[in-house]
Amino acid sequence: MQRLFVMFPDRAPGVGLVLLRLGVCVPLLLQWSAPWTVRSTALAVVIGLLVLGWLTPLAAVLAAILLGSGPALHWPWLTVALALLLLGPGAYSLDGGRFGRRVRRWGSTRRRERAPPKE
């Protein structure tokens, strides 16, 4: 999963990716059907994955499929879902927390004191 993303941007680009994820959820909510069907269950799962930012590539592909196969074809939102697939989740997501940047420190942070030389 970590190799799928170039980076996990934070600050303004990260907020932009959060808004992009939420923006893809809007047309999915508009497609929500009244009776509980397999399609409405899939919509609920995809919306949940996108809002949390968990398994974002999978959620973006599923969103693109659902947007492309809906009763009203949403071409602009379909392209936004594909852009989200290519950009990744960002730092403000569950994927960013799990697979994001890490700082690894080897050894202790304190300097070792040298023993005086033996005479």
PDB file of N, CA and C in Angstrom:
ATOM      1  N   MET A   1       0.830  -1.191   0.000  1.00  0.00           N
ATOM      2  CA  MET A   1       0.000   0.000   0.000  1.00  0.00           C
ATOM      3  C   MET A   1       0.872   1.251   0.000  1.00  0.00           C
ATOM      4  N   GLN A   2       1.971   1.229   0.753  1.00  0.00           N
ATOM      5  CA  GLN A   2       2.799   2.419   0.854  1.00  0.00           C
ATOM      6  C   GLN A   2       3.424   2.785  -0.488  1.00  0.00           C
ATOM      7  N   ARG A   3       3.700   1.836  -1.333  1.00  0.00           N
ATOM      8  CA  ARG A   3       4.348   2.110  -2.610  1.00  0.00           C
ATOM      9  C   ARG A   3       3.387   2.719  -3.625  1.00  0.00           C
ATOM     10  N   LEU A   4       2.097   2.724  -3.333  1.00  0.00           N
ATOM     11  CA  LEU A   4       1.128   3.297  -4.261  1.00  0.00           C
ATOM     12  C   LEU A   4       1.153   4.819  -4.258  1.00  0.00           C
ATOM     13  N   PHE A   5       1.654   5.419  -3.198  1.00  0.00           N
ATOM     14  CA  PHE A   5       1.589   6.866  -3.050  1.00  0.00           C
ATOM     15  C   PHE A   5       2.979   7.461  -3.104  1.00  0.00           C
ATOM     16  N   VAL A   6       3.084   8.594  -3.783  1.00  0.00           N
ATOM     17  CA  VAL A   6       4.364   9.283  -3.856  1.00  0.00           C
ATOM     18  C   VAL A   6       4.669   9.953  -2.524  1.00  0.00           C
ATOM     19  N   MET A   7       3.669  10.611  -1.962  1.00  0.00           N
ATOM     20  CA  MET A   7       3.856  11.270  -0.680  1.00  0.00           C
ATOM     21  C   MET A   7       2.490  11.474  -0.036  1.00  0.00           C
ATOM     22  N   PHE A   8       2.500  11.861   1.208  1.00  0.00           N
ATOM     23  CA  PHE A   8       1.279  12.149   1.946  1.00  0.00           C
ATOM     24  C   PHE A   8       1.312  13.627   2.325  1.00  0.00           C
ATOM     25  N   PRO A   9       0.818  14.508   1.465  1.00  0.00           N
ATOM     26  CA  PRO A   9       0.938  15.943   1.740  1.00  0.00           C
ATOM     27  C   PRO A   9       0.111  16.368   2.947  1.00  0.00           C
ATOM     28  N   ASP A  10       0.654  17.322   3.672  1.00  0.00           N
ATOM     29  CA  ASP A  10      -0.071  17.881   4.810  1.00  0.00           C
ATOM     30  C   ASP A  10      -0.276  19.375   4.567  1.00  0.00           C
ATOM     31  N   ARG A  11      -0.737  20.079   5.552  1.00  0.00           N
ATOM     32  CA  ARG A  11      -1.057  21.506   5.487  1.00  0.00           C
ATOM     33  C   ARG A  11      -2.111  21.771   4.406  1.00  0.00           C
ATOM     34  N   ALA A  12      -1.940  22.779   3.572  1.00  0.00           N
ATOM     35  CA  ALA A  12      -2.965  23.165   2.593  1.00  0.00           C
ATOM     36  C   ALA A  12      -3.237  22.064   1.554  1.00  0.00           C
ATOM     37  N   PRO A  13      -2.219  21.396   0.993  1.00  0.00           N
ATOM     38  CA  PRO A  13      -2.537  20.310   0.056  1.00  0.00           C
ATOM     39  C   PRO A  13      -3.277  19.150   0.721  1.00  0.00           C
ATOM     40  N   GLY A  14      -2.953  18.877   1.980  1.00  0.00           N
ATOM     41  CA  GLY A  14      -3.654  17.814   2.699  1.00  0.00           C
ATOM     42  C   GLY A  14      -5.111  18.157   2.940  1.00  0.00           C
ATOM     43  N   VAL A  15      -5.371  19.416   3.272  1.00  0.00           N
ATOM     44  CA  VAL A  15      -6.760  19.860   3.446  1.00  0.00           C
ATOM     45  C   VAL A  15      -7.484  19.810   2.105  1.00  0.00           C
ATOM     46  N   GLY A  16      -6.776  20.143   1.025  1.00  0.00           N
ATOM     47  CA  GLY A  16      -7.368  20.050  -0.302  1.00  0.00           C
ATOM     48  C   GLY A  16      -7.768  18.625  -0.648  1.00  0.00           C
ATOM     49  N   LEU A  17      -6.961  17.651  -0.246  1.00  0.00           N
ATOM     50  CA  LEU A  17      -7.315  16.258  -0.500  1.00  0.00           C
ATOM     51  C   LEU A  17      -8.495  15.808   0.357  1.00  0.00           C
ATOM     52  N   VAL A  18      -8.609  16.325   1.578  1.00  0.00           N
ATOM     53  CA  VAL A  18      -9.789  16.032   2.394  1.00  0.00           C
ATOM     54  C   VAL A  18     -11.038  16.572   1.706  1.00  0.00           C
ATOM     55  N   LEU A  19     -10.952  17.813   1.218  1.00  0.00           N
ATOM     56  CA  LEU A  19     -12.099  18.390   0.506  1.00  0.00           C
ATOM     57  C   LEU A  19     -12.408  17.629  -0.776  1.00  0.00           C
ATOM     58  N   LEU A  20     -11.371  17.128  -1.446  1.00  0.00           N
ATOM     59  CA  LEU A  20     -11.581  16.330  -2.651  1.00  0.00           C
ATOM     60  C   LEU A  20     -12.300  15.023  -2.314  1.00  0.00           C
ATOM     61  N   ARG A  21     -11.886  14.376  -1.216  1.00  0.00           N
ATOM     62  CA  ARG A  21     -12.564  13.142  -0.796  1.00  0.00           C
ATOM     63  C   ARG A  21     -14.018  13.412  -0.439  1.00  0.00           C
ATOM     64  N   LEU A  22     -14.259  14.503   0.281  1.00  0.00           N
ATOM     65  CA  LEU A  22     -15.640  14.845   0.638  1.00  0.00           C
ATOM     66  C   LEU A  22     -16.444  15.248  -0.594  1.00  0.00           C
ATOM     67  N   GLY A  23     -15.789  15.889  -1.562  1.00  0.00           N
ATOM     68  CA  GLY A  23     -16.468  16.285  -2.790  1.00  0.00           C
ATOM     69  C   GLY A  23     -16.917  15.102  -3.627  1.00  0.00           C
ATOM     70  N   VAL A  24     -16.173  14.012  -3.592  1.00  0.00           N
ATOM     71  CA  VAL A  24     -16.587  12.813  -4.319  1.00  0.00           C
ATOM     72  C   VAL A  24     -17.802  12.178  -3.638  1.00  0.00           C
ATOM     73  N   CYS A  25     -17.917  12.373  -2.325  1.00  0.00           N
ATOM     74  CA  CYS A  25     -19.054  11.792  -1.591  1.00  0.00           C
ATOM     75  C   CYS A  25     -20.374  12.474  -1.943  1.00  0.00           C
ATOM     76  N   VAL A  26     -20.350  13.733  -2.354  1.00  0.00           N
ATOM     77  CA  VAL A  26     -21.589  14.475  -2.641  1.00  0.00           C
ATOM     78  C   VAL A  26     -22.405  13.829  -3.758  1.00  0.00           C
ATOM     79  N   PRO A  27     -21.836  13.555  -4.940  1.00  0.00           N
ATOM     80  CA  PRO A  27     -22.668  12.905  -5.960  1.00  0.00           C
ATOM     81  C   PRO A  27     -23.053  11.482  -5.586  1.00  0.00           C
ATOM     82  N   LEU A  28     -22.224  10.823  -4.764  1.00  0.00           N
ATOM     83  CA  LEU A  28     -22.617   9.496  -4.309  1.00  0.00           C
ATOM     84  C   LEU A  28     -23.836   9.574  -3.395  1.00  0.00           C
ATOM     85  N   LEU A  29     -23.890  10.611  -2.563  1.00  0.00           N
ATOM     86  CA  LEU A  29     -25.068  10.804  -1.713  1.00  0.00           C
ATOM     87  C   LEU A  29     -26.297  11.148  -2.543  1.00  0.00           C
ATOM     88  N   LEU A  30     -26.098  11.865  -3.646  1.00  0.00           N
ATOM     89  CA  LEU A  30     -27.222  12.203  -4.513  1.00  0.00           C
ATOM     90  C   LEU A  30     -27.786  10.978  -5.227  1.00  0.00           C
ATOM     91  N   GLN A  31     -26.980   9.936  -5.382  1.00  0.00           N
ATOM     92  CA  GLN A  31     -27.446   8.715  -6.019  1.00  0.00           C
ATOM     93  C   GLN A  31     -28.113   7.758  -5.040  1.00  0.00           C
ATOM     94  N   TRP A  32     -28.144   8.127  -3.764  1.00  0.00           N
ATOM     95  CA  TRP A  32     -28.688   7.240  -2.736  1.00  0.00           C
ATOM     96  C   TRP A  32     -30.134   6.904  -3.072  1.00  0.00           C
ATOM     97  N   SER A  33     -30.454   5.641  -3.067  1.00  0.00           N
ATOM     98  CA  SER A  33     -31.824   5.223  -3.382  1.00  0.00           C
ATOM     99  C   SER A  33     -32.575   4.918  -2.090  1.00  0.00           C
ATOM    100  N   ALA A  34     -33.875   5.096  -2.101  1.00  0.00           N
ATOM    101  CA  ALA A  34     -34.696   4.906  -0.909  1.00  0.00           C
ATOM    102  C   ALA A  34     -34.708   3.459  -0.426  1.00  0.00           C
ATOM    103  N   PRO A  35     -35.015   2.471  -1.279  1.00  0.00           N
ATOM    104  CA  PRO A  35     -35.016   1.101  -0.762  1.00  0.00           C
ATOM    105  C   PRO A  35     -33.590   0.603  -0.528  1.00  0.00           C
ATOM    106  N   TRP A  36     -33.430  -0.233   0.483  1.00  0.00           N
ATOM    107  CA  TRP A  36     -32.111  -0.754   0.822  1.00  0.00           C
ATOM    108  C   TRP A  36     -31.756  -1.854  -0.155  1.00  0.00           C
ATOM    109  N   THR A  37     -30.804  -1.605  -1.020  1.00  0.00           N
ATOM    110  CA  THR A  37     -30.400  -2.567  -2.036  1.00  0.00           C
ATOM    111  C   THR A  37     -28.896  -2.787  -1.932  1.00  0.00           C
ATOM    112  N   VAL A  38     -28.389  -3.640  -2.777  1.00  0.00           N
ATOM    113  CA  VAL A  38     -26.943  -3.880  -2.819  1.00  0.00           C
ATOM    114  C   VAL A  38     -26.224  -2.603  -3.244  1.00  0.00           C
ATOM    115  N   ARG A  39     -26.820  -1.852  -4.162  1.00  0.00           N
ATOM    116  CA  ARG A  39     -26.214  -0.599  -4.610  1.00  0.00           C
ATOM    117  C   ARG A  39     -26.119   0.417  -3.478  1.00  0.00           C
ATOM    118  N   SER A  40     -27.173   0.538  -2.673  1.00  0.00           N
ATOM    119  CA  SER A  40     -27.122   1.499  -1.571  1.00  0.00           C
ATOM    120  C   SER A  40     -26.140   1.051  -0.496  1.00  0.00           C
ATOM    121  N   THR A  41     -25.976  -0.248  -0.314  1.00  0.00           N
ATOM    122  CA  THR A  41     -24.969  -0.746   0.622  1.00  0.00           C
ATOM    123  C   THR A  41     -23.569  -0.417   0.116  1.00  0.00           C
ATOM    124  N   ALA A  42     -23.335  -0.622  -1.175  1.00  0.00           N
ATOM    125  CA  ALA A  42     -22.035  -0.274  -1.753  1.00  0.00           C
ATOM    126  C   ALA A  42     -21.767   1.219  -1.642  1.00  0.00           C
ATOM    127  N   LEU A  43     -22.801   2.041  -1.867  1.00  0.00           N
ATOM    128  CA  LEU A  43     -22.639   3.486  -1.721  1.00  0.00           C
ATOM    129  C   LEU A  43     -22.259   3.850  -0.290  1.00  0.00           C
ATOM    130  N   ALA A  44     -22.900   3.222   0.683  1.00  0.00           N
ATOM    131  CA  ALA A  44     -22.591   3.520   2.086  1.00  0.00           C
ATOM    132  C   ALA A  44     -21.160   3.127   2.434  1.00  0.00           C
ATOM    133  N   VAL A  45     -20.705   1.991   1.942  1.00  0.00           N
ATOM    134  CA  VAL A  45     -19.334   1.548   2.215  1.00  0.00           C
ATOM    135  C   VAL A  45     -18.323   2.485   1.571  1.00  0.00           C
ATOM    136  N   VAL A  46     -18.553   2.851   0.324  1.00  0.00           N
ATOM    137  CA  VAL A  46     -17.615   3.729  -0.380  1.00  0.00           C
ATOM    138  C   VAL A  46     -17.572   5.107   0.275  1.00  0.00           C
ATOM    139  N   ILE A  47     -18.718   5.636   0.652  1.00  0.00           N
ATOM    140  CA  ILE A  47     -18.754   6.945   1.323  1.00  0.00           C
ATOM    141  C   ILE A  47     -18.006   6.882   2.642  1.00  0.00           C
ATOM    142  N   GLY A  48     -18.205   5.805   3.403  1.00  0.00           N
ATOM    143  CA  GLY A  48     -17.478   5.659   4.668  1.00  0.00           C
ATOM    144  C   GLY A  48     -15.984   5.574   4.471  1.00  0.00           C
ATOM    145  N   LEU A  49     -15.543   4.815   3.467  1.00  0.00           N
ATOM    146  CA  LEU A  49     -14.112   4.698   3.193  1.00  0.00           C
ATOM    147  C   LEU A  49     -13.518   6.034   2.759  1.00  0.00           C
ATOM    148  N   LEU A  50     -14.248   6.781   1.956  1.00  0.00           N
ATOM    149  CA  LEU A  50     -13.726   8.064   1.484  1.00  0.00           C
ATOM    150  C   LEU A  50     -13.671   9.102   2.599  1.00  0.00           C
ATOM    151  N   VAL A  51     -14.683   9.138   3.446  1.00  0.00           N
ATOM    152  CA  VAL A  51     -14.689  10.128   4.522  1.00  0.00           C
ATOM    153  C   VAL A  51     -13.546   9.863   5.490  1.00  0.00           C
ATOM    154  N   LEU A  52     -13.304   8.596   5.814  1.00  0.00           N
ATOM    155  CA  LEU A  52     -12.224   8.267   6.736  1.00  0.00           C
ATOM    156  C   LEU A  52     -10.853   8.285   6.085  1.00  0.00           C
ATOM    157  N   GLY A  53     -10.820   8.117   4.774  1.00  0.00           N
ATOM    158  CA  GLY A  53      -9.533   8.051   4.091  1.00  0.00           C
ATOM    159  C   GLY A  53      -8.850   6.722   4.306  1.00  0.00           C
ATOM    160  N   TRP A  54      -9.627   5.648   4.362  1.00  0.00           N
ATOM    161  CA  TRP A  54      -9.083   4.319   4.566  1.00  0.00           C
ATOM    162  C   TRP A  54      -9.223   3.535   3.275  1.00  0.00           C
ATOM    163  N   LEU A  55      -8.156   2.884   2.831  1.00  0.00           N
ATOM    164  CA  LEU A  55      -8.134   2.176   1.546  1.00  0.00           C
ATOM    165  C   LEU A  55      -8.579   3.097   0.415  1.00  0.00           C
ATOM    166  N   THR A  56      -8.008   4.262   0.368  1.00  0.00           N
ATOM    167  CA  THR A  56      -8.417   5.306  -0.569  1.00  0.00           C
ATOM    168  C   THR A  56      -8.346   4.880  -2.036  1.00  0.00           C
ATOM    169  N   PRO A  57      -7.296   4.171  -2.497  1.00  0.00           N
ATOM    170  CA  PRO A  57      -7.300   3.772  -3.909  1.00  0.00           C
ATOM    171  C   PRO A  57      -8.483   2.869  -4.254  1.00  0.00           C
ATOM    172  N   LEU A  58      -8.775   1.921  -3.377  1.00  0.00           N
ATOM    173  CA  LEU A  58      -9.913   1.035  -3.603  1.00  0.00           C
ATOM    174  C   LEU A  58     -11.228   1.820  -3.580  1.00  0.00           C
ATOM    175  N   ALA A  59     -11.364   2.713  -2.619  1.00  0.00           N
ATOM    176  CA  ALA A  59     -12.585   3.518  -2.517  1.00  0.00           C
ATOM    177  C   ALA A  59     -12.744   4.426  -3.729  1.00  0.00           C
ATOM    178  N   ALA A  60     -11.646   4.978  -4.240  1.00  0.00           N
ATOM    179  CA  ALA A  60     -11.736   5.854  -5.415  1.00  0.00           C
ATOM    180  C   ALA A  60     -12.142   5.069  -6.660  1.00  0.00           C
ATOM    181  N   VAL A  61     -11.627   3.857  -6.806  1.00  0.00           N
ATOM    182  CA  VAL A  61     -12.018   3.027  -7.946  1.00  0.00           C
ATOM    183  C   VAL A  61     -13.491   2.651  -7.839  1.00  0.00           C
ATOM    184  N   LEU A  62     -13.929   2.249  -6.649  1.00  0.00           N
ATOM    185  CA  LEU A  62     -15.344   1.906  -6.455  1.00  0.00           C
ATOM    186  C   LEU A  62     -16.246   3.116  -6.679  1.00  0.00           C
ATOM    187  N   ALA A  63     -15.800   4.293  -6.233  1.00  0.00           N
ATOM    188  CA  ALA A  63     -16.585   5.509  -6.463  1.00  0.00           C
ATOM    189  C   ALA A  63     -16.686   5.809  -7.948  1.00  0.00           C
ATOM    190  N   ALA A  64     -15.600   5.625  -8.676  1.00  0.00           N
ATOM    191  CA  ALA A  64     -15.632   5.864 -10.123  1.00  0.00           C
ATOM    192  C   ALA A  64     -16.579   4.885 -10.809  1.00  0.00           C
ATOM    193  N   ILE A  65     -16.575   3.631 -10.370  1.00  0.00           N
ATOM    194  CA  ILE A  65     -17.488   2.637 -10.944  1.00  0.00           C
ATOM    195  C   ILE A  65     -18.929   2.996 -10.638  1.00  0.00           C
ATOM    196  N   LEU A  66     -19.202   3.373  -9.393  1.00  0.00           N
ATOM    197  CA  LEU A  66     -20.571   3.727  -9.016  1.00  0.00           C
ATOM    198  C   LEU A  66     -21.044   5.002  -9.707  1.00  0.00           C
ATOM    199  N   LEU A  67     -20.145   5.969  -9.853  1.00  0.00           N
ATOM    200  CA  LEU A  67     -20.523   7.202 -10.537  1.00  0.00           C
ATOM    201  C   LEU A  67     -20.719   6.982 -12.034  1.00  0.00           C
ATOM    202  N   GLY A  68     -19.965   6.062 -12.605  1.00  0.00           N
ATOM    203  CA  GLY A  68     -20.088   5.788 -14.028  1.00  0.00           C
ATOM    204  C   GLY A  68     -21.275   4.919 -14.384  1.00  0.00           C
ATOM    205  N   SER A  69     -21.777   4.164 -13.406  1.00  0.00           N
ATOM    206  CA  SER A  69     -22.879   3.247 -13.698  1.00  0.00           C
ATOM    207  C   SER A  69     -24.205   3.705 -13.100  1.00  0.00           C
ATOM    208  N   GLY A  70     -24.253   4.909 -12.586  1.00  0.00           N
ATOM    209  CA  GLY A  70     -25.474   5.402 -11.947  1.00  0.00           C
ATOM    210  C   GLY A  70     -26.546   5.780 -12.943  1.00  0.00           C
ATOM    211  N   PRO A  71     -27.715   6.125 -12.416  1.00  0.00           N
ATOM    212  CA  PRO A  71     -28.805   6.527 -13.306  1.00  0.00           C
ATOM    213  C   PRO A  71     -28.479   7.803 -14.075  1.00  0.00           C
ATOM    214  N   ALA A  72     -27.799   8.731 -13.432  1.00  0.00           N
ATOM    215  CA  ALA A  72     -27.359   9.958 -14.105  1.00  0.00           C
ATOM    216  C   ALA A  72     -25.831   9.932 -14.116  1.00  0.00           C
ATOM    217  N   LEU A  73     -25.259   9.965 -15.281  1.00  0.00           N
ATOM    218  CA  LEU A  73     -23.809   9.878 -15.396  1.00  0.00           C
ATOM    219  C   LEU A  73     -23.190  11.213 -14.987  1.00  0.00           C
ATOM    220  N   HIS A  74     -22.314  11.170 -14.022  1.00  0.00           N
ATOM    221  CA  HIS A  74     -21.657  12.367 -13.501  1.00  0.00           C
ATOM    222  C   HIS A  74     -20.215  12.400 -14.004  1.00  0.00           C
ATOM    223  N   TRP A  75     -19.992  12.840 -15.236  1.00  0.00           N
ATOM    224  CA  TRP A  75     -18.654  12.851 -15.800  1.00  0.00           C
ATOM    225  C   TRP A  75     -17.675  13.723 -15.018  1.00  0.00           C
ATOM    226  N   PRO A  76     -18.039  14.926 -14.610  1.00  0.00           N
ATOM    227  CA  PRO A  76     -17.049  15.718 -13.862  1.00  0.00           C
ATOM    228  C   PRO A  76     -16.632  15.044 -12.562  1.00  0.00           C
ATOM    229  N   TRP A  77     -17.582  14.461 -11.853  1.00  0.00           N
ATOM    230  CA  TRP A  77     -17.249  13.810 -10.589  1.00  0.00           C
ATOM    231  C   TRP A  77     -16.517  12.501 -10.814  1.00  0.00           C
ATOM    232  N   LEU A  78     -16.760  11.877 -11.947  1.00  0.00           N
ATOM    233  CA  LEU A  78     -16.021  10.670 -12.292  1.00  0.00           C
ATOM    234  C   LEU A  78     -14.540  10.997 -12.462  1.00  0.00           C
ATOM    235  N   THR A  79     -14.248  12.107 -13.111  1.00  0.00           N
ATOM    236  CA  THR A  79     -12.844  12.507 -13.278  1.00  0.00           C
ATOM    237  C   THR A  79     -12.221  12.913 -11.942  1.00  0.00           C
ATOM    238  N   VAL A  80     -13.012  13.491 -11.043  1.00  0.00           N
ATOM    239  CA  VAL A  80     -12.490  13.849  -9.718  1.00  0.00           C
ATOM    240  C   VAL A  80     -12.159  12.582  -8.934  1.00  0.00           C
ATOM    241  N   ALA A  81     -12.991  11.559  -9.046  1.00  0.00           N
ATOM    242  CA  ALA A  81     -12.702  10.292  -8.363  1.00  0.00           C
ATOM    243  C   ALA A  81     -11.428   9.657  -8.911  1.00  0.00           C
ATOM    244  N   LEU A  82     -11.223   9.729 -10.214  1.00  0.00           N
ATOM    245  CA  LEU A  82      -9.993   9.192 -10.795  1.00  0.00           C
ATOM    246  C   LEU A  82      -8.773  10.027 -10.397  1.00  0.00           C
ATOM    247  N   ALA A  83      -8.949  11.338 -10.274  1.00  0.00           N
ATOM    248  CA  ALA A  83      -7.849  12.187  -9.791  1.00  0.00           C
ATOM    249  C   ALA A  83      -7.494  11.834  -8.354  1.00  0.00           C
ATOM    250  N   LEU A  84      -8.494  11.544  -7.543  1.00  0.00           N
ATOM    251  CA  LEU A  84      -8.245  11.133  -6.166  1.00  0.00           C
ATOM    252  C   LEU A  84      -7.485   9.810  -6.124  1.00  0.00           C
ATOM    253  N   LEU A  85      -7.794   8.925  -7.047  1.00  0.00           N
ATOM    254  CA  LEU A  85      -7.057   7.665  -7.145  1.00  0.00           C
ATOM    255  C   LEU A  85      -5.579   7.928  -7.414  1.00  0.00           C
ATOM    256  N   LEU A  86      -5.287   8.870  -8.300  1.00  0.00           N
ATOM    257  CA  LEU A  86      -3.900   9.147  -8.659  1.00  0.00           C
ATOM    258  C   LEU A  86      -3.162   9.954  -7.596  1.00  0.00           C
ATOM    259  N   LEU A  87      -3.873  10.822  -6.857  1.00  0.00           N
ATOM    260  CA  LEU A  87      -3.218  11.668  -5.864  1.00  0.00           C
ATOM    261  C   LEU A  87      -2.974  10.965  -4.538  1.00  0.00           C
ATOM    262  N   GLY A  88      -3.855  10.073  -4.159  1.00  0.00           N
ATOM    263  CA  GLY A  88      -3.696   9.375  -2.891  1.00  0.00           C
ATOM    264  C   GLY A  88      -4.479  10.049  -1.779  1.00  0.00           C
ATOM    265  N   PRO A  89      -4.348   9.545  -0.567  1.00  0.00           N
ATOM    266  CA  PRO A  89      -5.202   9.999   0.523  1.00  0.00           C
ATOM    267  C   PRO A  89      -4.776  11.289   1.207  1.00  0.00           C
ATOM    268  N   GLY A  90      -3.503  11.586   1.305  1.00  0.00           N
ATOM    269  CA  GLY A  90      -3.039  12.758   2.040  1.00  0.00           C
ATOM    270  C   GLY A  90      -2.718  12.410   3.481  1.00  0.00           C
ATOM    271  N   ALA A  91      -2.165  13.364   4.195  1.00  0.00           N
ATOM    272  CA  ALA A  91      -1.725  13.122   5.572  1.00  0.00           C
ATOM    273  C   ALA A  91      -2.884  13.046   6.546  1.00  0.00           C
ATOM    274  N   TYR A  92      -4.006  13.671   6.235  1.00  0.00           N
ATOM    275  CA  TYR A  92      -5.142  13.711   7.152  1.00  0.00           C
ATOM    276  C   TYR A  92      -6.137  12.604   6.811  1.00  0.00           C
ATOM    277  N   SER A  93      -5.684  11.370   6.892  1.00  0.00           N
ATOM    278  CA  SER A  93      -6.518  10.220   6.603  1.00  0.00           C
ATOM    279  C   SER A  93      -5.988   9.035   7.398  1.00  0.00           C
ATOM    280  N   LEU A  94      -6.767   7.974   7.438  1.00  0.00           N
ATOM    281  CA  LEU A  94      -6.282   6.771   8.123  1.00  0.00           C
ATOM    282  C   LEU A  94      -5.122   6.140   7.367  1.00  0.00           C
ATOM    283  N   ASP A  95      -5.146   6.210   6.047  1.00  0.00           N
ATOM    284  CA  ASP A  95      -4.020   5.711   5.255  1.00  0.00           C
ATOM    285  C   ASP A  95      -2.751   6.506   5.536  1.00  0.00           C
ATOM    286  N   GLY A  96      -2.891   7.811   5.674  1.00  0.00           N
ATOM    287  CA  GLY A  96      -1.735   8.657   5.967  1.00  0.00           C
ATOM    288  C   GLY A  96      -1.140   8.354   7.327  1.00  0.00           C
ATOM    289  N   GLY A  97      -1.994   8.064   8.298  1.00  0.00           N
ATOM    290  CA  GLY A  97      -1.497   7.704   9.628  1.00  0.00           C
ATOM    291  C   GLY A  97      -0.835   6.343   9.655  1.00  0.00           C
ATOM    292  N   ARG A  98      -1.344   5.438   8.854  1.00  0.00           N
ATOM    293  CA  ARG A  98      -0.811   4.072   8.860  1.00  0.00           C
ATOM    294  C   ARG A  98       0.399   3.908   7.942  1.00  0.00           C
ATOM    295  N   PHE A  99       0.352   4.501   6.770  1.00  0.00           N
ATOM    296  CA  PHE A  99       1.407   4.287   5.788  1.00  0.00           C
ATOM    297  C   PHE A  99       2.224   5.537   5.495  1.00  0.00           C
ATOM    298  N   GLY A 100       1.994   6.631   6.202  1.00  0.00           N
ATOM    299  CA  GLY A 100       2.627   7.909   5.898  1.00  0.00           C
ATOM    300  C   GLY A 100       4.080   7.981   6.293  1.00  0.00           C
ATOM    301  N   ARG A 101       4.568   9.204   6.300  1.00  0.00           N
ATOM    302  CA  ARG A 101       5.978   9.438   6.607  1.00  0.00           C
ATOM    303  C   ARG A 101       6.274   9.058   8.041  1.00  0.00           C
ATOM    304  N   ARG A 102       7.458   8.517   8.218  1.00  0.00           N
ATOM    305  CA  ARG A 102       7.895   8.144   9.558  1.00  0.00           C
ATOM    306  C   ARG A 102       9.335   8.592   9.747  1.00  0.00           C
ATOM    307  N   VAL A 103       9.661   8.883  10.980  1.00  0.00           N
ATOM    308  CA  VAL A 103      11.034   9.216  11.324  1.00  0.00           C
ATOM    309  C   VAL A 103      11.564   8.075  12.172  1.00  0.00           C
ATOM    310  N   ARG A 104      12.626   7.481  11.720  1.00  0.00           N
ATOM    311  CA  ARG A 104      13.212   6.373  12.472  1.00  0.00           C
ATOM    312  C   ARG A 104      14.526   6.841  13.069  1.00  0.00           C
ATOM    313  N   ARG A 105      14.686   6.555  14.330  1.00  0.00           N
ATOM    314  CA  ARG A 105      15.916   6.933  15.019  1.00  0.00           C
ATOM    315  C   ARG A 105      16.601   5.664  15.475  1.00  0.00           C
ATOM    316  N   TRP A 106      17.827   5.552  15.087  1.00  0.00           N
ATOM    317  CA  TRP A 106      18.595   4.381  15.453  1.00  0.00           C
ATOM    318  C   TRP A 106      19.509   4.739  16.616  1.00  0.00           C
ATOM    319  N   GLY A 107      19.602   3.867  17.588  1.00  0.00           N
ATOM    320  CA  GLY A 107      20.458   4.118  18.735  1.00  0.00           C
ATOM    321  C   GLY A 107      19.789   5.045  19.729  1.00  0.00           C
ATOM    322  N   SER A 108      20.506   5.371  20.748  1.00  0.00           N
ATOM    323  CA  SER A 108      19.934   6.250  21.767  1.00  0.00           C
ATOM    324  C   SER A 108      20.140   7.708  21.374  1.00  0.00           C
ATOM    325  N   THR A 109      19.354   8.567  21.979  1.00  0.00           N
ATOM    326  CA  THR A 109      19.473   9.987  21.675  1.00  0.00           C
ATOM    327  C   THR A 109      20.558  10.649  22.524  1.00  0.00           C
ATOM    328  N   ARG A 110      20.916  10.006  23.625  1.00  0.00           N
ATOM    329  CA  ARG A 110      21.973  10.571  24.467  1.00  0.00           C
ATOM    330  C   ARG A 110      23.324  10.084  23.975  1.00  0.00           C
ATOM    331  N   ARG A 111      24.317  10.954  24.093  1.00  0.00           N
ATOM    332  CA  ARG A 111      25.674  10.566  23.694  1.00  0.00           C
ATOM    333  C   ARG A 111      26.267   9.688  24.780  1.00  0.00           C
ATOM    334  N   ARG A 112      26.961   8.702  24.349  1.00  0.00           N
ATOM    335  CA  ARG A 112      27.630   7.836  25.324  1.00  0.00           C
ATOM    336  C   ARG A 112      28.870   8.531  25.844  1.00  0.00           C
ATOM    337  N   GLU A 113      29.042   8.381  27.120  1.00  0.00           N
ATOM    338  CA  GLU A 113      30.250   8.955  27.712  1.00  0.00           C
ATOM    339  C   GLU A 113      31.383   7.940  27.561  1.00  0.00           C
ATOM    340  N   ARG A 114      32.514   8.447  27.188  1.00  0.00           N
ATOM    341  CA  ARG A 114      33.665   7.569  27.028  1.00  0.00           C
ATOM    342  C   ARG A 114      34.308   7.290  28.377  1.00  0.00           C
ATOM    343  N   ALA A 115      34.716   6.096  28.509  1.00  0.00           N
ATOM    344  CA  ALA A 115      35.446   5.735  29.734  1.00  0.00           C
ATOM    345  C   ALA A 115      36.861   6.317  29.639  1.00  0.00           C
ATOM    346  N   PRO A 116      37.399   6.736  30.745  1.00  0.00           N
ATOM    347  CA  PRO A 116      38.767   7.295  30.702  1.00  0.00           C
ATOM    348  C   PRO A 116      39.734   6.196  30.250  1.00  0.00           C
ATOM    349  N   PRO A 117      40.754   6.581  29.518  1.00  0.00           N
ATOM    350  CA  PRO A 117      41.722   5.582  29.035  1.00  0.00           C
ATOM    351  C   PRO A 117      42.463   4.929  30.208  1.00  0.00           C
ATOM    352  N   LYS A 118      42.719   3.649  30.068  1.00  0.00           N
ATOM    353  CA  LYS A 118      43.459   2.909  31.102  1.00  0.00           C
ATOM    354  C   LYS A 118      44.933   3.208  30.968  1.00  0.00           C
ATOM    355  N   GLU A 119      45.548   3.368  32.125  1.00  0.00           N
ATOM    356  CA  GLU A 119      47.000   3.661  32.116  1.00  0.00           C
ATOM    357  C   GLU A 119      47.800   2.464  32.425  1.00  0.00           C
TER     358      GLU A 119
END
